[in-house]
Amino acid sequence: VVALLGLGAAGGWAALRRLGPLVIGRPD
């Protein structure tokens, strides 16, 4: 369980760091 939670935490951090995470539309 610790392994899967750690994998989810690391993957979530990487995805959020790549996408923003705060994103507003280009018109805004």
PDB file of all heavy atoms in Angstrom:
ATOM      1  N   VAL A   1       0.830  -1.205   0.000  1.00  0.00           N
ATOM      2  CA  VAL A   1       0.000   0.000   0.000  1.00  0.00           C
ATOM      3  C   VAL A   1       0.866   1.257   0.000  1.00  0.00           C
ATOM      4  O   VAL A   1       0.599   2.227  -0.715  1.00  0.00           O
ATOM      5  CB  VAL A   1      -0.953  -0.019   1.212  1.00  0.00           C
ATOM      6  CG1 VAL A   1      -1.837   1.207   1.214  1.00  0.00           C
ATOM      7  CG2 VAL A   1      -1.801  -1.279   1.190  1.00  0.00           C
ATOM      8  N   VAL A   2       1.914   1.244   0.805  1.00  0.00           N
ATOM      9  CA  VAL A   2       2.831   2.382   0.840  1.00  0.00           C
ATOM     10  C   VAL A   2       3.471   2.597  -0.528  1.00  0.00           C
ATOM     11  O   VAL A   2       3.644   3.734  -0.988  1.00  0.00           O
ATOM     12  CB  VAL A   2       3.906   2.157   1.926  1.00  0.00           C
ATOM     13  CG1 VAL A   2       4.989   3.216   1.834  1.00  0.00           C
ATOM     14  CG2 VAL A   2       3.267   2.179   3.304  1.00  0.00           C
ATOM     15  N   ALA A   3       3.814   1.497  -1.208  1.00  0.00           N
ATOM     16  CA  ALA A   3       4.422   1.615  -2.535  1.00  0.00           C
ATOM     17  C   ALA A   3       3.465   2.262  -3.527  1.00  0.00           C
ATOM     18  O   ALA A   3       3.839   3.175  -4.277  1.00  0.00           O
ATOM     19  CB  ALA A   3       4.847   0.229  -3.022  1.00  0.00           C
ATOM     20  N   LEU A   4       2.203   1.806  -3.528  1.00  0.00           N
ATOM     21  CA  LEU A   4       1.252   2.371  -4.473  1.00  0.00           C
ATOM     22  C   LEU A   4       0.929   3.822  -4.152  1.00  0.00           C
ATOM     23  O   LEU A   4       0.774   4.662  -5.050  1.00  0.00           O
ATOM     24  CB  LEU A   4      -0.023   1.522  -4.475  1.00  0.00           C
ATOM     25  CG  LEU A   4      -0.996   1.769  -5.635  1.00  0.00           C
ATOM     26  CD1 LEU A   4      -0.282   1.643  -6.970  1.00  0.00           C
ATOM     27  CD2 LEU A   4      -2.154   0.785  -5.572  1.00  0.00           C
ATOM     28  N   LEU A   5       0.831   4.164  -2.870  1.00  0.00           N
ATOM     29  CA  LEU A   5       0.600   5.556  -2.493  1.00  0.00           C
ATOM     30  C   LEU A   5       1.782   6.441  -2.880  1.00  0.00           C
ATOM     31  O   LEU A   5       1.607   7.572  -3.348  1.00  0.00           O
ATOM     32  CB  LEU A   5       0.328   5.652  -0.992  1.00  0.00           C
ATOM     33  CG  LEU A   5      -1.018   5.113  -0.495  1.00  0.00           C
ATOM     34  CD1 LEU A   5      -1.098   5.214   1.014  1.00  0.00           C
ATOM     35  CD2 LEU A   5      -2.168   5.866  -1.137  1.00  0.00           C
ATOM     36  N   GLY A   6       2.992   5.930  -2.675  1.00  0.00           N
ATOM     37  CA  GLY A   6       4.165   6.697  -3.083  1.00  0.00           C
ATOM     38  C   GLY A   6       4.226   6.901  -4.579  1.00  0.00           C
ATOM     39  O   GLY A   6       4.591   7.981  -5.067  1.00  0.00           O
ATOM     40  N   LEU A   7       3.860   5.860  -5.343  1.00  0.00           N
ATOM     41  CA  LEU A   7       3.821   5.997  -6.798  1.00  0.00           C
ATOM     42  C   LEU A   7       2.798   7.040  -7.220  1.00  0.00           C
ATOM     43  O   LEU A   7       3.066   7.882  -8.085  1.00  0.00           O
ATOM     44  CB  LEU A   7       3.486   4.641  -7.424  1.00  0.00           C
ATOM     45  CG  LEU A   7       3.263   4.644  -8.942  1.00  0.00           C
ATOM     46  CD1 LEU A   7       4.554   4.996  -9.665  1.00  0.00           C
ATOM     47  CD2 LEU A   7       2.754   3.297  -9.409  1.00  0.00           C
ATOM     48  N   GLY A   8       1.611   7.010  -6.605  1.00  0.00           N
ATOM     49  CA  GLY A   8       0.603   8.011  -6.941  1.00  0.00           C
ATOM     50  C   GLY A   8       1.038   9.419  -6.582  1.00  0.00           C
ATOM     51  O   GLY A   8       0.791  10.364  -7.341  1.00  0.00           O
ATOM     52  N   ALA A   9       1.698   9.574  -5.432  1.00  0.00           N
ATOM     53  CA  ALA A   9       2.160  10.906  -5.028  1.00  0.00           C
ATOM     54  C   ALA A   9       3.219  11.435  -5.985  1.00  0.00           C
ATOM     55  O   ALA A   9       3.169  12.596  -6.408  1.00  0.00           O
ATOM     56  CB  ALA A   9       2.707  10.848  -3.604  1.00  0.00           C
ATOM     57  N   ALA A  10       4.189  10.591  -6.347  1.00  0.00           N
ATOM     58  CA  ALA A  10       5.243  11.039  -7.262  1.00  0.00           C
ATOM     59  C   ALA A  10       4.681  11.346  -8.644  1.00  0.00           C
ATOM     60  O   ALA A  10       5.039  12.353  -9.270  1.00  0.00           O
ATOM     61  CB  ALA A  10       6.331   9.968  -7.354  1.00  0.00           C
ATOM     62  N   GLY A  11       3.776  10.487  -9.145  1.00  0.00           N
ATOM     63  CA  GLY A  11       3.175  10.750 -10.442  1.00  0.00           C
ATOM     64  C   GLY A  11       2.320  12.003 -10.444  1.00  0.00           C
ATOM     65  O   GLY A  11       2.327  12.778 -11.409  1.00  0.00           O
ATOM     66  N   GLY A  12       1.565  12.217  -9.352  1.00  0.00           N
ATOM     67  CA  GLY A  12       0.763  13.435  -9.270  1.00  0.00           C
ATOM     68  C   GLY A  12       1.610  14.695  -9.234  1.00  0.00           C
ATOM     69  O   GLY A  12       1.284  15.698  -9.880  1.00  0.00           O
ATOM     70  N   TRP A  13       2.707  14.661  -8.476  1.00  0.00           N
ATOM     71  CA  TRP A  13       3.599  15.816  -8.429  1.00  0.00           C
ATOM     72  C   TRP A  13       4.182  16.111  -9.805  1.00  0.00           C
ATOM     73  O   TRP A  13       4.229  17.266 -10.238  1.00  0.00           O
ATOM     74  CB  TRP A  13       4.708  15.548  -7.418  1.00  0.00           C
ATOM     75  CG  TRP A  13       5.822  16.537  -7.440  1.00  0.00           C
ATOM     76  CD1 TRP A  13       6.997  16.437  -8.133  1.00  0.00           C
ATOM     77  CD2 TRP A  13       5.887  17.792  -6.748  1.00  0.00           C
ATOM     78  NE1 TRP A  13       7.787  17.538  -7.916  1.00  0.00           N
ATOM     79  CE2 TRP A  13       7.126  18.394  -7.074  1.00  0.00           C
ATOM     80  CE3 TRP A  13       5.025  18.458  -5.882  1.00  0.00           C
ATOM     81  CZ2 TRP A  13       7.522  19.608  -6.553  1.00  0.00           C
ATOM     82  CZ3 TRP A  13       5.427  19.684  -5.383  1.00  0.00           C
ATOM     83  CH2 TRP A  13       6.640  20.243  -5.702  1.00  0.00           C
ATOM     84  N   ALA A  14       4.630  15.065 -10.506  1.00  0.00           N
ATOM     85  CA  ALA A  14       5.213  15.271 -11.829  1.00  0.00           C
ATOM     86  C   ALA A  14       4.186  15.836 -12.808  1.00  0.00           C
ATOM     87  O   ALA A  14       4.492  16.747 -13.590  1.00  0.00           O
ATOM     88  CB  ALA A  14       5.784  13.951 -12.350  1.00  0.00           C
ATOM     89  N   ALA A  15       2.953  15.312 -12.786  1.00  0.00           N
ATOM     90  CA  ALA A  15       1.929  15.807 -13.700  1.00  0.00           C
ATOM     91  C   ALA A  15       1.557  17.255 -13.399  1.00  0.00           C
ATOM     92  O   ALA A  15       1.422  18.085 -14.317  1.00  0.00           O
ATOM     93  CB  ALA A  15       0.691  14.907 -13.620  1.00  0.00           C
ATOM     94  N   LEU A  16       1.382  17.580 -12.124  1.00  0.00           N
ATOM     95  CA  LEU A  16       1.028  18.952 -11.761  1.00  0.00           C
ATOM     96  C   LEU A  16       2.157  19.923 -12.088  1.00  0.00           C
ATOM     97  O   LEU A  16       1.914  21.049 -12.545  1.00  0.00           O
ATOM     98  CB  LEU A  16       0.687  19.028 -10.277  1.00  0.00           C
ATOM     99  CG  LEU A  16      -0.609  18.321  -9.852  1.00  0.00           C
ATOM    100  CD1 LEU A  16      -0.756  18.356  -8.339  1.00  0.00           C
ATOM    101  CD2 LEU A  16      -1.817  18.972 -10.511  1.00  0.00           C
ATOM    102  N   ARG A  17       3.390  19.504 -11.874  1.00  0.00           N
ATOM    103  CA  ARG A  17       4.531  20.378 -12.197  1.00  0.00           C
ATOM    104  C   ARG A  17       4.630  20.631 -13.700  1.00  0.00           C
ATOM    105  O   ARG A  17       5.030  21.714 -14.136  1.00  0.00           O
ATOM    106  CB  ARG A  17       5.820  19.740 -11.694  1.00  0.00           C
ATOM    107  CG  ARG A  17       5.976  19.765 -10.211  1.00  0.00           C
ATOM    108  CD  ARG A  17       6.551  21.078  -9.722  1.00  0.00           C
ATOM    109  NE  ARG A  17       7.963  21.170 -10.019  1.00  0.00           N
ATOM    110  CZ  ARG A  17       8.582  22.260 -10.470  1.00  0.00           C
ATOM    111  NH1 ARG A  17       7.882  23.336 -10.719  1.00  0.00           N
ATOM    112  NH2 ARG A  17       9.887  22.270 -10.676  1.00  0.00           N
ATOM    113  N   ARG A  18       4.253  19.644 -14.501  1.00  0.00           N
ATOM    114  CA  ARG A  18       4.345  19.809 -15.949  1.00  0.00           C
ATOM    115  C   ARG A  18       3.214  20.687 -16.487  1.00  0.00           C
ATOM    116  O   ARG A  18       3.422  21.463 -17.431  1.00  0.00           O
ATOM    117  CB  ARG A  18       4.315  18.441 -16.627  1.00  0.00           C
ATOM    118  CG  ARG A  18       4.405  18.488 -18.148  1.00  0.00           C
ATOM    119  CD  ARG A  18       4.546  17.108 -18.722  1.00  0.00           C
ATOM    120  NE  ARG A  18       5.818  16.526 -18.354  1.00  0.00           N
ATOM    121  CZ  ARG A  18       6.946  16.700 -19.014  1.00  0.00           C
ATOM    122  NH1 ARG A  18       6.970  17.472 -20.089  1.00  0.00           N
ATOM    123  NH2 ARG A  18       8.064  16.130 -18.630  1.00  0.00           N
ATOM    124  N   LEU A  19       2.025  20.606 -15.892  1.00  0.00           N
ATOM    125  CA  LEU A  19       0.862  21.307 -16.439  1.00  0.00           C
ATOM    126  C   LEU A  19       0.624  22.671 -15.813  1.00  0.00           C
ATOM    127  O   LEU A  19      -0.115  23.474 -16.363  1.00  0.00           O
ATOM    128  CB  LEU A  19      -0.400  20.454 -16.247  1.00  0.00           C
ATOM    129  CG  LEU A  19      -0.448  19.148 -17.026  1.00  0.00           C
ATOM    130  CD1 LEU A  19      -1.716  18.390 -16.696  1.00  0.00           C
ATOM    131  CD2 LEU A  19      -0.351  19.403 -18.518  1.00  0.00           C
ATOM    132  N   GLY A  20       1.183  22.952 -14.690  1.00  0.00           N
ATOM    133  CA  GLY A  20       0.907  24.251 -14.093  1.00  0.00           C
ATOM    134  C   GLY A  20       1.261  24.331 -12.622  1.00  0.00           C
ATOM    135  O   GLY A  20       2.361  24.735 -12.282  1.00  0.00           O
ATOM    136  N   PRO A  21       0.330  23.983 -11.709  1.00  0.00           N
ATOM    137  CA  PRO A  21      -1.007  23.422 -11.948  1.00  0.00           C
ATOM    138  C   PRO A  21      -2.124  24.459 -12.108  1.00  0.00           C
ATOM    139  O   PRO A  21      -3.196  24.122 -12.592  1.00  0.00           O
ATOM    140  CB  PRO A  21      -1.257  22.606 -10.677  1.00  0.00           C
ATOM    141  CG  PRO A  21      -0.540  23.353  -9.630  1.00  0.00           C
ATOM    142  CD  PRO A  21       0.678  23.974 -10.277  1.00  0.00           C
ATOM    143  N   LEU A  22      -1.877  25.726 -11.704  1.00  0.00           N
ATOM    144  CA  LEU A  22      -2.908  26.747 -11.869  1.00  0.00           C
ATOM    145  C   LEU A  22      -2.930  27.201 -13.324  1.00  0.00           C
ATOM    146  O   LEU A  22      -1.950  27.750 -13.829  1.00  0.00           O
ATOM    147  CB  LEU A  22      -2.645  27.936 -10.945  1.00  0.00           C
ATOM    148  CG  LEU A  22      -2.918  27.725  -9.457  1.00  0.00           C
ATOM    149  CD1 LEU A  22      -2.806  29.029  -8.712  1.00  0.00           C
ATOM    150  CD2 LEU A  22      -4.279  27.111  -9.237  1.00  0.00           C
ATOM    151  N   VAL A  23      -4.047  26.956 -13.992  1.00  0.00           N
ATOM    152  CA  VAL A  23      -4.164  27.256 -15.410  1.00  0.00           C
ATOM    153  C   VAL A  23      -5.443  28.041 -15.624  1.00  0.00           C
ATOM    154  O   VAL A  23      -6.508  27.667 -15.132  1.00  0.00           O
ATOM    155  CB  VAL A  23      -4.191  25.958 -16.257  1.00  0.00           C
ATOM    156  CG1 VAL A  23      -4.338  26.301 -17.736  1.00  0.00           C
ATOM    157  CG2 VAL A  23      -2.940  25.138 -16.024  1.00  0.00           C
ATOM    158  N   ILE A  24      -5.338  29.122 -16.344  1.00  0.00           N
ATOM    159  CA  ILE A  24      -6.504  29.886 -16.772  1.00  0.00           C
ATOM    160  C   ILE A  24      -6.541  29.858 -18.288  1.00  0.00           C
ATOM    161  O   ILE A  24      -5.527  29.607 -18.951  1.00  0.00           O
ATOM    162  CB  ILE A  24      -6.463  31.335 -16.258  1.00  0.00           C
ATOM    163  CG1 ILE A  24      -5.195  32.044 -16.746  1.00  0.00           C
ATOM    164  CG2 ILE A  24      -6.550  31.373 -14.745  1.00  0.00           C
ATOM    165  CD1 ILE A  24      -5.119  33.502 -16.333  1.00  0.00           C
ATOM    166  N   GLY A  25      -7.709  30.085 -18.847  1.00  0.00           N
ATOM    167  CA  GLY A  25      -7.847  30.075 -20.293  1.00  0.00           C
ATOM    168  C   GLY A  25      -7.028  31.169 -20.963  1.00  0.00           C
ATOM    169  O   GLY A  25      -6.729  32.203 -20.364  1.00  0.00           O
ATOM    170  N   ARG A  26      -6.690  30.922 -22.199  1.00  0.00           N
ATOM    171  CA  ARG A  26      -5.892  31.927 -22.906  1.00  0.00           C
ATOM    172  C   ARG A  26      -6.621  33.259 -23.090  1.00  0.00           C
ATOM    173  O   ARG A  26      -5.987  34.315 -23.028  1.00  0.00           O
ATOM    174  CB  ARG A  26      -5.446  31.354 -24.253  1.00  0.00           C
ATOM    175  CG  ARG A  26      -4.277  30.411 -24.127  1.00  0.00           C
ATOM    176  CD  ARG A  26      -3.869  29.814 -25.444  1.00  0.00           C
ATOM    177  NE  ARG A  26      -4.887  28.911 -25.965  1.00  0.00           N
ATOM    178  CZ  ARG A  26      -4.737  28.196 -27.076  1.00  0.00           C
ATOM    179  NH1 ARG A  26      -3.630  28.287 -27.775  1.00  0.00           N
ATOM    180  NH2 ARG A  26      -5.677  27.387 -27.486  1.00  0.00           N
ATOM    181  N   PRO A  27      -7.935  33.273 -23.298  1.00  0.00           N
ATOM    182  CA  PRO A  27      -8.606  34.589 -23.300  1.00  0.00           C
ATOM    183  C   PRO A  27      -8.490  35.311 -21.967  1.00  0.00           C
ATOM    184  O   PRO A  27      -8.264  36.534 -21.932  1.00  0.00           O
ATOM    185  CB  PRO A  27     -10.065  34.221 -23.625  1.00  0.00           C
ATOM    186  CG  PRO A  27      -9.979  32.938 -24.374  1.00  0.00           C
ATOM    187  CD  PRO A  27      -8.843  32.204 -23.758  1.00  0.00           C
ATOM    188  N   ASP A  28      -8.628  34.560 -20.865  1.00  0.00           N
ATOM    189  CA  ASP A  28      -8.468  35.193 -19.554  1.00  0.00           C
ATOM    190  C   ASP A  28      -7.035  35.681 -19.356  1.00  0.00           C
ATOM    191  O   ASP A  28      -6.802  36.746 -18.767  1.00  0.00           O
ATOM    192  CB  ASP A  28      -8.829  34.207 -18.449  1.00  0.00           C
ATOM    193  CG  ASP A  28     -10.314  33.897 -18.432  1.00  0.00           C
ATOM    194  OD1 ASP A  28     -11.073  34.613 -19.119  1.00  0.00           O
ATOM    195  OD2 ASP A  28     -10.715  32.928 -17.749  1.00  0.00           O
TER     196      ASP A  28
END
